[in-house]
């Protein structure tokens, strides 16, 4: 399975241009810059129109209008909004946690953890500070997902493997607030 990981497009998704082919597109939040329903709807409509077999997304800290949403009406059956919820796609379990109150059931098996915030200390360093979440780090330590996809920290776009987990910060926005970080396509092997 191939997954294209993007994040932090901040309403400037059209600047990404043509995206590479993949089985699943995952957007790990900050679809919008100002969090209005209109801005988020425009980004979600763009996402729905992309030619990927499956699309997964969640809210970032800029996507205010989605903070309390548990479901979005009218999404096609191949588009999944994850809000402390999950989906199994071709036998691979994805679980998305919210920015404001992340939760994962204790008995949940998660292959791909999707969050907006990075775990504390992993691809989270910017402006002389670690911006990651200790709570997300604890979840990763308990779940041991094969992959953890996130964004939020624009300066630390990258990928690293620690133990049995591959961590991917897919932020497309860079520190200069331009779309300088290209989308990342990785062959995810299970």
N, C-alpha and C. Protein backbone atom coordinates (compact mmCIF):
# COMPACT_ATOMS: atom_id res chain seq x y z
N UNK A 1 0.86 -1.18 0.00
CA UNK A 1 0.00 0.00 0.00
C UNK A 1 0.90 1.24 0.00
N UNK A 2 0.54 2.21 -0.81
CA UNK A 2 1.26 3.49 -0.80
C UNK A 2 0.36 4.56 -0.20
N UNK A 3 0.96 5.40 0.64
CA UNK A 3 0.23 6.48 1.28
C UNK A 3 0.96 7.78 0.97
N UNK A 4 0.20 8.76 0.49
CA UNK A 4 0.72 10.10 0.29
C UNK A 4 0.36 10.91 1.53
N UNK A 5 1.35 11.42 2.21
CA UNK A 5 1.13 12.16 3.46
C UNK A 5 1.34 13.65 3.21
N UNK A 6 0.28 14.44 3.48
CA UNK A 6 0.37 15.89 3.40
C UNK A 6 -0.18 16.48 4.70
N UNK A 7 0.19 17.71 4.97
CA UNK A 7 -0.29 18.37 6.19
C UNK A 7 -0.02 19.86 6.08
N UNK A 8 -0.72 20.63 6.89
CA UNK A 8 -0.45 22.06 7.02
C UNK A 8 -0.46 22.77 5.67
N UNK A 9 -1.54 22.60 4.94
CA UNK A 9 -1.69 23.32 3.67
C UNK A 9 -2.28 24.71 3.89
N UNK A 10 -2.92 24.94 5.01
CA UNK A 10 -3.38 26.28 5.43
C UNK A 10 -4.14 27.04 4.35
N UNK A 11 -5.05 26.34 3.65
CA UNK A 11 -5.87 26.99 2.64
C UNK A 11 -5.15 27.23 1.32
N UNK A 12 -3.92 26.78 1.22
CA UNK A 12 -3.12 27.01 0.01
C UNK A 12 -2.87 25.70 -0.73
N UNK A 13 -3.79 24.77 -0.61
CA UNK A 13 -3.66 23.44 -1.19
C UNK A 13 -3.44 23.46 -2.71
N UNK A 14 -4.00 24.45 -3.40
CA UNK A 14 -3.85 24.51 -4.86
C UNK A 14 -2.39 24.74 -5.26
N UNK A 15 -1.59 25.28 -4.36
CA UNK A 15 -0.17 25.51 -4.65
C UNK A 15 0.64 24.22 -4.69
N UNK A 16 0.06 23.12 -4.21
CA UNK A 16 0.77 21.84 -4.25
C UNK A 16 0.93 21.33 -5.67
N UNK A 17 0.06 21.78 -6.57
CA UNK A 17 0.13 21.31 -7.95
C UNK A 17 -0.26 19.86 -8.07
N UNK A 18 0.27 19.21 -9.06
CA UNK A 18 -0.04 17.79 -9.29
C UNK A 18 0.65 16.94 -8.24
N UNK A 19 -0.12 16.06 -7.64
CA UNK A 19 0.39 15.19 -6.58
C UNK A 19 0.71 13.81 -7.14
N UNK A 20 1.66 13.11 -6.53
CA UNK A 20 2.01 11.77 -7.00
C UNK A 20 0.89 10.76 -6.74
N UNK A 21 0.91 9.69 -7.48
CA UNK A 21 -0.08 8.61 -7.32
C UNK A 21 0.16 7.90 -5.99
N UNK A 22 -0.93 7.41 -5.41
CA UNK A 22 -0.87 6.62 -4.18
C UNK A 22 -2.20 5.91 -4.02
N UNK A 23 -2.26 4.96 -3.10
CA UNK A 23 -3.52 4.29 -2.79
C UNK A 23 -4.36 5.12 -1.83
N UNK A 24 -3.70 5.73 -0.85
CA UNK A 24 -4.39 6.48 0.20
C UNK A 24 -3.71 7.85 0.34
N UNK A 25 -4.53 8.90 0.40
CA UNK A 25 -4.03 10.24 0.72
C UNK A 25 -4.42 10.53 2.17
N UNK A 26 -3.44 10.93 2.98
CA UNK A 26 -3.71 11.29 4.37
C UNK A 26 -3.29 12.75 4.58
N UNK A 27 -4.25 13.57 5.02
CA UNK A 27 -3.98 14.97 5.36
C UNK A 27 -4.11 15.09 6.87
N UNK A 28 -3.00 15.46 7.53
CA UNK A 28 -2.98 15.46 8.99
C UNK A 28 -3.24 16.83 9.61
N UNK A 29 -4.11 17.59 8.99
CA UNK A 29 -4.64 18.79 9.64
C UNK A 29 -4.06 20.11 9.19
N UNK A 30 -4.73 21.16 9.64
CA UNK A 30 -4.53 22.53 9.18
C UNK A 30 -4.81 22.63 7.68
N UNK A 31 -6.01 22.16 7.34
CA UNK A 31 -6.53 22.35 5.98
C UNK A 31 -6.72 23.84 5.72
N UNK A 32 -7.06 24.58 6.76
CA UNK A 32 -7.39 25.99 6.63
C UNK A 32 -6.36 26.84 7.38
N UNK A 33 -6.45 28.14 7.17
CA UNK A 33 -5.59 29.06 7.90
C UNK A 33 -6.35 29.79 8.99
N UNK A 34 -7.63 30.09 8.71
CA UNK A 34 -8.42 30.88 9.65
C UNK A 34 -9.53 30.09 10.32
N UNK A 35 -9.77 28.84 9.89
CA UNK A 35 -10.71 27.96 10.56
C UNK A 35 -12.17 28.18 10.27
N UNK A 36 -12.49 29.01 9.27
CA UNK A 36 -13.90 29.24 8.95
C UNK A 36 -14.48 28.03 8.24
N UNK A 37 -15.79 27.87 8.35
CA UNK A 37 -16.46 26.77 7.66
C UNK A 37 -16.24 26.85 6.16
N UNK A 38 -16.31 28.05 5.62
CA UNK A 38 -16.12 28.23 4.17
C UNK A 38 -14.72 27.78 3.74
N UNK A 39 -13.72 28.17 4.49
CA UNK A 39 -12.35 27.80 4.14
C UNK A 39 -12.14 26.29 4.26
N UNK A 40 -12.65 25.69 5.32
CA UNK A 40 -12.50 24.24 5.50
C UNK A 40 -13.29 23.50 4.42
N UNK A 41 -14.50 23.95 4.12
CA UNK A 41 -15.31 23.31 3.09
C UNK A 41 -14.59 23.35 1.74
N UNK A 42 -13.99 24.46 1.39
CA UNK A 42 -13.24 24.55 0.14
C UNK A 42 -12.12 23.53 0.09
N UNK A 43 -11.38 23.39 1.19
CA UNK A 43 -10.29 22.41 1.24
C UNK A 43 -10.81 20.98 1.18
N UNK A 44 -11.92 20.69 1.88
CA UNK A 44 -12.48 19.34 1.87
C UNK A 44 -13.01 19.00 0.47
N UNK A 45 -13.63 19.96 -0.19
CA UNK A 45 -14.10 19.72 -1.56
C UNK A 45 -12.93 19.41 -2.49
N UNK A 46 -11.82 20.13 -2.33
CA UNK A 46 -10.61 19.84 -3.11
C UNK A 46 -10.14 18.42 -2.83
N UNK A 47 -10.09 18.06 -1.55
CA UNK A 47 -9.65 16.73 -1.13
C UNK A 47 -10.54 15.65 -1.75
N UNK A 48 -11.85 15.86 -1.69
CA UNK A 48 -12.80 14.87 -2.23
C UNK A 48 -12.61 14.69 -3.73
N UNK A 49 -12.19 15.73 -4.43
CA UNK A 49 -12.03 15.66 -5.88
C UNK A 49 -10.73 15.04 -6.35
N UNK A 50 -9.82 14.76 -5.43
CA UNK A 50 -8.53 14.19 -5.82
C UNK A 50 -8.70 12.72 -6.21
N UNK A 51 -7.89 12.24 -7.15
CA UNK A 51 -8.08 10.89 -7.70
C UNK A 51 -7.42 9.77 -6.90
N UNK A 52 -7.64 9.75 -5.60
CA UNK A 52 -7.11 8.68 -4.77
C UNK A 52 -8.23 7.73 -4.38
N UNK A 53 -7.89 6.45 -4.29
CA UNK A 53 -8.90 5.45 -3.95
C UNK A 53 -9.51 5.73 -2.58
N UNK A 54 -8.66 6.16 -1.63
CA UNK A 54 -9.12 6.48 -0.27
C UNK A 54 -8.48 7.80 0.16
N UNK A 55 -9.23 8.56 0.96
CA UNK A 55 -8.73 9.81 1.51
C UNK A 55 -9.09 9.88 2.99
N UNK A 56 -8.11 10.25 3.80
CA UNK A 56 -8.27 10.33 5.25
C UNK A 56 -7.80 11.71 5.68
N UNK A 57 -8.57 12.36 6.56
CA UNK A 57 -8.13 13.65 7.08
C UNK A 57 -8.64 13.88 8.49
N UNK A 58 -8.00 14.83 9.17
CA UNK A 58 -8.44 15.23 10.50
C UNK A 58 -8.21 16.72 10.67
N UNK A 59 -8.70 17.25 11.77
CA UNK A 59 -8.57 18.68 12.05
C UNK A 59 -7.24 18.99 12.70
N UNK A 60 -6.67 20.14 12.31
CA UNK A 60 -5.49 20.66 12.97
C UNK A 60 -5.87 21.82 13.86
N UNK A 61 -4.91 22.44 14.48
CA UNK A 61 -5.21 23.53 15.43
C UNK A 61 -5.79 24.77 14.74
N UNK A 62 -5.64 24.91 13.43
CA UNK A 62 -6.24 26.03 12.71
C UNK A 62 -7.67 25.74 12.25
N UNK A 63 -8.09 24.50 12.30
CA UNK A 63 -9.39 24.09 11.76
C UNK A 63 -10.47 24.16 12.84
N UNK A 64 -10.67 25.37 13.38
CA UNK A 64 -11.55 25.58 14.54
C UNK A 64 -12.94 25.00 14.36
N UNK A 65 -13.51 25.16 13.18
CA UNK A 65 -14.90 24.74 12.99
C UNK A 65 -15.06 23.23 13.05
N UNK A 66 -13.96 22.48 13.05
CA UNK A 66 -14.05 21.02 13.12
C UNK A 66 -13.73 20.47 14.52
N UNK A 67 -13.39 21.33 15.46
CA UNK A 67 -12.98 20.86 16.78
C UNK A 67 -14.02 19.97 17.44
N UNK A 68 -15.28 20.31 17.34
CA UNK A 68 -16.34 19.54 17.99
C UNK A 68 -17.08 18.61 17.04
N UNK A 69 -16.68 18.60 15.78
CA UNK A 69 -17.36 17.74 14.79
C UNK A 69 -16.92 16.30 14.99
N UNK A 70 -17.89 15.41 15.06
CA UNK A 70 -17.55 13.99 15.13
C UNK A 70 -17.81 13.31 13.80
N UNK A 71 -18.54 14.00 12.96
CA UNK A 71 -18.89 13.45 11.66
C UNK A 71 -19.10 14.63 10.71
N UNK A 72 -18.85 14.42 9.45
CA UNK A 72 -19.12 15.43 8.43
C UNK A 72 -20.08 14.81 7.43
N UNK A 73 -21.27 15.38 7.33
CA UNK A 73 -22.28 14.84 6.42
C UNK A 73 -21.87 15.07 4.97
N UNK A 74 -22.26 14.13 4.12
CA UNK A 74 -22.07 14.28 2.69
C UNK A 74 -20.73 13.83 2.15
N UNK A 75 -19.89 13.24 3.00
CA UNK A 75 -18.62 12.73 2.49
C UNK A 75 -18.85 11.45 1.70
N UNK A 76 -18.17 11.29 0.57
CA UNK A 76 -18.26 10.02 -0.16
C UNK A 76 -17.77 8.87 0.73
N UNK A 77 -18.15 7.66 0.39
CA UNK A 77 -17.81 6.53 1.26
C UNK A 77 -16.32 6.19 1.27
N UNK A 78 -15.53 6.78 0.39
CA UNK A 78 -14.08 6.54 0.39
C UNK A 78 -13.29 7.68 1.03
N UNK A 79 -14.00 8.62 1.67
CA UNK A 79 -13.37 9.76 2.34
C UNK A 79 -13.70 9.68 3.83
N UNK A 80 -12.67 9.71 4.67
CA UNK A 80 -12.86 9.49 6.10
C UNK A 80 -12.33 10.67 6.91
N UNK A 81 -13.20 11.26 7.72
CA UNK A 81 -12.82 12.28 8.69
C UNK A 81 -12.64 11.56 10.02
N UNK A 82 -11.41 11.56 10.54
CA UNK A 82 -11.13 10.85 11.78
C UNK A 82 -11.08 11.84 12.94
N UNK A 83 -11.88 11.55 13.94
CA UNK A 83 -12.03 12.41 15.13
C UNK A 83 -12.11 11.47 16.33
N UNK A 84 -10.95 11.09 16.85
CA UNK A 84 -10.90 10.02 17.86
C UNK A 84 -11.68 8.81 17.37
N UNK A 85 -11.39 8.47 16.12
CA UNK A 85 -12.08 7.35 15.48
C UNK A 85 -11.13 6.72 14.47
N UNK A 86 -11.56 5.59 13.94
CA UNK A 86 -10.69 4.87 13.03
C UNK A 86 -11.43 4.27 11.86
N UNK A 87 -10.65 3.73 10.96
CA UNK A 87 -11.17 3.05 9.78
C UNK A 87 -10.14 1.98 9.39
N UNK A 88 -10.64 0.88 8.88
CA UNK A 88 -9.77 -0.16 8.35
C UNK A 88 -9.86 -0.08 6.82
N UNK A 89 -8.73 0.12 6.19
CA UNK A 89 -8.64 0.22 4.73
C UNK A 89 -7.77 -0.90 4.23
N UNK A 90 -8.37 -1.79 3.47
CA UNK A 90 -7.67 -2.94 2.90
C UNK A 90 -6.84 -3.68 3.96
N UNK A 91 -7.44 -3.85 5.13
CA UNK A 91 -6.82 -4.61 6.21
C UNK A 91 -5.87 -3.82 7.10
N UNK A 92 -5.66 -2.54 6.80
CA UNK A 92 -4.76 -1.70 7.59
C UNK A 92 -5.60 -0.77 8.45
N UNK A 93 -5.35 -0.77 9.78
CA UNK A 93 -6.15 0.06 10.68
C UNK A 93 -5.51 1.45 10.84
N UNK A 94 -6.31 2.47 10.57
CA UNK A 94 -5.93 3.87 10.76
C UNK A 94 -6.74 4.40 11.94
N UNK A 95 -6.09 5.16 12.82
CA UNK A 95 -6.79 5.79 13.93
C UNK A 95 -6.35 7.25 14.00
N UNK A 96 -7.33 8.15 13.99
CA UNK A 96 -7.04 9.57 14.05
C UNK A 96 -7.43 10.16 15.38
N UNK A 97 -6.50 10.88 16.01
CA UNK A 97 -6.78 11.51 17.28
C UNK A 97 -6.93 13.03 17.10
N UNK A 98 -7.76 13.61 17.95
CA UNK A 98 -8.04 15.04 17.85
C UNK A 98 -6.91 15.86 18.48
N UNK A 99 -6.86 17.10 18.05
CA UNK A 99 -5.87 18.03 18.57
C UNK A 99 -6.21 18.45 20.00
N UNK A 100 -7.49 18.54 20.30
CA UNK A 100 -7.91 19.10 21.58
C UNK A 100 -8.08 18.06 22.69
N UNK A 101 -8.42 16.81 22.35
CA UNK A 101 -8.68 15.81 23.37
C UNK A 101 -8.42 14.41 22.80
N UNK A 102 -7.15 14.06 22.56
CA UNK A 102 -6.85 12.78 21.90
C UNK A 102 -7.23 11.57 22.75
N UNK A 103 -7.86 10.60 22.08
CA UNK A 103 -8.27 9.36 22.76
C UNK A 103 -8.11 8.17 21.83
N UNK A 104 -7.69 7.07 22.41
CA UNK A 104 -7.62 5.79 21.70
C UNK A 104 -8.09 4.72 22.69
N UNK A 105 -9.05 3.88 22.29
CA UNK A 105 -9.47 2.81 23.20
C UNK A 105 -8.29 1.92 23.59
N UNK A 106 -8.27 1.48 24.83
CA UNK A 106 -7.14 0.70 25.35
C UNK A 106 -6.90 -0.59 24.58
N UNK A 107 -7.95 -1.19 24.04
CA UNK A 107 -7.81 -2.48 23.36
C UNK A 107 -7.64 -2.34 21.85
N UNK A 108 -7.41 -1.14 21.36
CA UNK A 108 -7.36 -0.86 19.93
C UNK A 108 -6.00 -1.25 19.34
N UNK A 109 -6.03 -1.98 18.23
CA UNK A 109 -4.83 -2.25 17.46
C UNK A 109 -4.76 -1.19 16.36
N UNK A 110 -3.64 -0.47 16.31
CA UNK A 110 -3.50 0.63 15.36
C UNK A 110 -2.24 0.40 14.53
N UNK A 111 -2.42 0.29 13.22
CA UNK A 111 -1.27 0.19 12.32
C UNK A 111 -0.72 1.57 12.00
N UNK A 112 -1.63 2.52 11.70
CA UNK A 112 -1.24 3.89 11.33
C UNK A 112 -1.95 4.85 12.27
N UNK A 113 -1.19 5.50 13.13
CA UNK A 113 -1.73 6.54 14.00
C UNK A 113 -1.63 7.86 13.26
N UNK A 114 -2.73 8.61 13.24
CA UNK A 114 -2.80 9.88 12.53
C UNK A 114 -3.15 10.96 13.54
N UNK A 115 -2.32 12.00 13.62
CA UNK A 115 -2.58 13.10 14.53
C UNK A 115 -2.10 14.39 13.88
N UNK A 116 -2.50 15.52 14.43
CA UNK A 116 -1.93 16.77 13.93
C UNK A 116 -0.62 17.06 14.67
N UNK A 117 -0.64 16.90 15.97
CA UNK A 117 0.54 17.17 16.78
C UNK A 117 1.53 16.02 16.72
N UNK A 118 2.82 16.34 16.69
CA UNK A 118 3.82 15.28 16.82
C UNK A 118 3.94 14.83 18.27
N UNK A 119 4.55 13.67 18.48
CA UNK A 119 4.86 13.28 19.85
C UNK A 119 6.03 14.14 20.35
N UNK A 120 6.05 14.40 21.62
CA UNK A 120 7.11 15.22 22.23
C UNK A 120 8.49 14.64 21.90
N UNK A 121 9.35 15.50 21.33
CA UNK A 121 10.73 15.11 21.07
C UNK A 121 11.00 14.45 19.74
N UNK A 122 9.96 14.27 18.90
CA UNK A 122 10.16 13.60 17.62
C UNK A 122 9.67 14.51 16.50
N UNK A 123 10.59 14.99 15.68
CA UNK A 123 10.28 15.87 14.55
C UNK A 123 9.39 17.03 14.98
N UNK A 124 9.72 17.61 16.15
CA UNK A 124 8.85 18.66 16.72
C UNK A 124 9.61 19.92 17.11
N UNK A 125 10.87 20.04 16.70
CA UNK A 125 11.70 21.16 17.16
C UNK A 125 11.61 22.35 16.21
N UNK A 126 11.28 23.51 16.77
CA UNK A 126 11.17 24.74 15.98
C UNK A 126 11.30 25.92 16.94
N UNK A 127 12.00 26.95 16.52
CA UNK A 127 12.17 28.17 17.33
C UNK A 127 12.67 27.85 18.74
N UNK A 128 13.68 27.00 18.81
CA UNK A 128 14.34 26.65 20.08
C UNK A 128 13.41 25.97 21.09
N UNK A 129 12.43 25.26 20.58
CA UNK A 129 11.48 24.61 21.49
C UNK A 129 10.92 23.33 20.87
N UNK A 130 10.62 22.35 21.71
CA UNK A 130 9.91 21.14 21.28
C UNK A 130 8.42 21.40 21.44
N UNK A 131 7.67 21.33 20.32
CA UNK A 131 6.25 21.64 20.31
C UNK A 131 5.36 20.40 20.40
N UNK A 132 5.95 19.23 20.45
CA UNK A 132 5.17 17.99 20.48
C UNK A 132 4.44 17.78 21.78
N UNK A 133 3.53 16.82 21.75
CA UNK A 133 2.66 16.52 22.88
C UNK A 133 3.16 15.32 23.67
N UNK A 134 3.34 15.47 24.99
CA UNK A 134 3.68 14.32 25.83
C UNK A 134 2.58 13.26 25.80
N UNK A 135 1.32 13.70 25.72
CA UNK A 135 0.20 12.76 25.68
C UNK A 135 0.24 11.91 24.41
N UNK A 136 0.58 12.53 23.28
CA UNK A 136 0.70 11.77 22.02
C UNK A 136 1.88 10.81 22.11
N UNK A 137 2.99 11.24 22.70
CA UNK A 137 4.14 10.34 22.89
C UNK A 137 3.74 9.13 23.73
N UNK A 138 2.97 9.35 24.80
CA UNK A 138 2.50 8.23 25.63
C UNK A 138 1.64 7.27 24.82
N UNK A 139 0.77 7.82 23.95
CA UNK A 139 -0.09 6.96 23.12
C UNK A 139 0.75 6.11 22.17
N UNK A 140 1.75 6.72 21.56
CA UNK A 140 2.62 5.98 20.64
C UNK A 140 3.35 4.87 21.41
N UNK A 141 3.81 5.18 22.62
CA UNK A 141 4.52 4.20 23.44
C UNK A 141 3.63 3.02 23.83
N UNK A 142 2.34 3.28 24.01
CA UNK A 142 1.39 2.22 24.37
C UNK A 142 0.93 1.43 23.15
N UNK A 143 0.69 2.12 22.04
CA UNK A 143 0.10 1.48 20.86
C UNK A 143 1.12 0.78 19.97
N UNK A 144 2.33 1.29 19.92
CA UNK A 144 3.37 0.78 19.02
C UNK A 144 2.87 0.67 17.57
N UNK A 145 2.35 1.77 17.00
CA UNK A 145 1.91 1.69 15.61
C UNK A 145 3.10 1.50 14.68
N UNK A 146 2.85 0.94 13.52
CA UNK A 146 3.93 0.80 12.54
C UNK A 146 4.31 2.17 11.98
N UNK A 147 3.31 3.06 11.87
CA UNK A 147 3.51 4.39 11.34
C UNK A 147 2.74 5.41 12.18
N UNK A 148 3.34 6.58 12.36
CA UNK A 148 2.65 7.70 12.99
C UNK A 148 2.82 8.91 12.06
N UNK A 149 1.69 9.39 11.52
CA UNK A 149 1.69 10.51 10.58
C UNK A 149 1.16 11.75 11.30
N UNK A 150 1.85 12.89 11.14
CA UNK A 150 1.45 14.13 11.81
C UNK A 150 2.04 15.31 11.04
N UNK A 151 1.81 16.50 11.55
CA UNK A 151 2.35 17.72 10.95
C UNK A 151 2.61 18.73 12.05
N UNK A 152 2.02 19.92 11.91
CA UNK A 152 2.00 20.98 12.92
C UNK A 152 3.29 21.79 12.99
N UNK A 153 4.43 21.14 13.05
CA UNK A 153 5.71 21.85 13.19
C UNK A 153 6.33 21.99 11.79
N UNK A 154 6.24 23.18 11.25
CA UNK A 154 6.63 23.43 9.86
C UNK A 154 8.12 23.22 9.59
N UNK A 155 8.96 23.50 10.55
CA UNK A 155 10.41 23.41 10.35
C UNK A 155 10.95 21.99 10.41
N UNK A 156 10.14 21.03 10.79
CA UNK A 156 10.67 19.68 11.01
C UNK A 156 10.05 18.64 10.09
N UNK A 157 9.70 19.05 8.87
CA UNK A 157 9.21 18.10 7.88
C UNK A 157 10.29 17.03 7.71
N UNK A 158 9.89 15.79 7.83
CA UNK A 158 10.86 14.72 7.67
C UNK A 158 10.30 13.39 8.11
N UNK A 159 11.18 12.41 8.08
CA UNK A 159 10.79 11.05 8.45
C UNK A 159 11.93 10.42 9.24
N UNK A 160 11.56 9.66 10.27
CA UNK A 160 12.55 8.98 11.09
C UNK A 160 11.92 7.69 11.62
N UNK A 161 12.75 6.66 11.76
CA UNK A 161 12.27 5.41 12.35
C UNK A 161 12.91 5.27 13.72
N UNK A 162 12.07 5.07 14.73
CA UNK A 162 12.53 4.87 16.09
C UNK A 162 11.86 3.59 16.60
N UNK A 163 12.68 2.63 16.99
CA UNK A 163 12.13 1.34 17.38
C UNK A 163 11.40 0.73 16.19
N UNK A 164 10.18 0.30 16.41
CA UNK A 164 9.40 -0.29 15.33
C UNK A 164 8.44 0.67 14.66
N UNK A 165 8.54 1.98 14.95
CA UNK A 165 7.60 2.95 14.40
C UNK A 165 8.31 3.92 13.47
N UNK A 166 7.70 4.15 12.31
CA UNK A 166 8.16 5.17 11.38
C UNK A 166 7.34 6.42 11.65
N UNK A 167 8.01 7.54 11.94
CA UNK A 167 7.36 8.81 12.23
C UNK A 167 7.52 9.72 11.01
N UNK A 168 6.41 10.34 10.59
CA UNK A 168 6.43 11.22 9.42
C UNK A 168 5.78 12.55 9.75
N UNK A 169 6.57 13.63 9.70
CA UNK A 169 6.03 14.98 9.79
C UNK A 169 5.85 15.45 8.35
N UNK A 170 4.61 15.54 7.91
CA UNK A 170 4.30 15.85 6.52
C UNK A 170 3.95 17.30 6.26
N UNK A 171 4.34 18.21 7.13
CA UNK A 171 3.99 19.62 6.95
C UNK A 171 4.47 20.13 5.60
N UNK A 172 3.54 20.66 4.80
CA UNK A 172 3.90 21.23 3.51
C UNK A 172 4.30 22.69 3.63
N UNK A 173 3.78 23.38 4.62
CA UNK A 173 4.17 24.77 4.88
C UNK A 173 5.55 24.73 5.53
N UNK A 174 6.43 25.65 5.11
CA UNK A 174 7.74 25.71 5.72
C UNK A 174 7.83 26.91 6.67
N UNK A 175 8.99 27.13 7.24
CA UNK A 175 9.13 28.19 8.24
C UNK A 175 8.93 29.58 7.66
N UNK A 176 9.06 29.72 6.34
CA UNK A 176 8.85 31.02 5.68
C UNK A 176 7.39 31.22 5.28
N UNK A 177 6.52 30.30 5.71
CA UNK A 177 5.10 30.32 5.35
C UNK A 177 4.88 30.25 3.85
N UNK A 178 5.71 29.45 3.20
CA UNK A 178 5.50 29.11 1.80
C UNK A 178 5.28 27.61 1.73
N UNK A 179 4.78 27.14 0.62
CA UNK A 179 4.55 25.70 0.44
C UNK A 179 5.85 25.05 -0.05
N UNK A 180 6.91 25.21 0.71
CA UNK A 180 8.24 24.77 0.32
C UNK A 180 8.52 23.30 0.57
N UNK A 181 7.74 22.64 1.39
CA UNK A 181 7.95 21.21 1.67
C UNK A 181 7.04 20.38 0.77
N UNK A 182 7.62 19.56 -0.06
CA UNK A 182 6.85 18.75 -1.00
C UNK A 182 6.13 17.61 -0.29
N UNK A 183 4.98 17.18 -0.84
CA UNK A 183 4.28 16.01 -0.28
C UNK A 183 5.18 14.79 -0.32
N UNK A 184 5.02 13.93 0.63
CA UNK A 184 5.87 12.74 0.76
C UNK A 184 5.09 11.48 0.40
N UNK A 185 5.65 10.72 -0.51
CA UNK A 185 5.07 9.44 -0.90
C UNK A 185 6.00 8.34 -0.39
N UNK A 186 5.44 7.44 0.38
CA UNK A 186 6.23 6.37 0.96
C UNK A 186 5.52 5.04 0.73
N UNK A 187 6.30 4.03 0.43
CA UNK A 187 5.73 2.70 0.35
C UNK A 187 5.58 2.17 1.77
N UNK A 188 4.36 2.11 2.21
CA UNK A 188 4.10 1.59 3.55
C UNK A 188 3.92 0.09 3.45
N UNK A 189 4.77 -0.65 4.13
CA UNK A 189 4.76 -2.11 4.02
C UNK A 189 4.19 -2.72 5.29
N UNK A 190 3.30 -3.66 5.10
CA UNK A 190 2.69 -4.35 6.23
C UNK A 190 2.84 -5.84 6.07
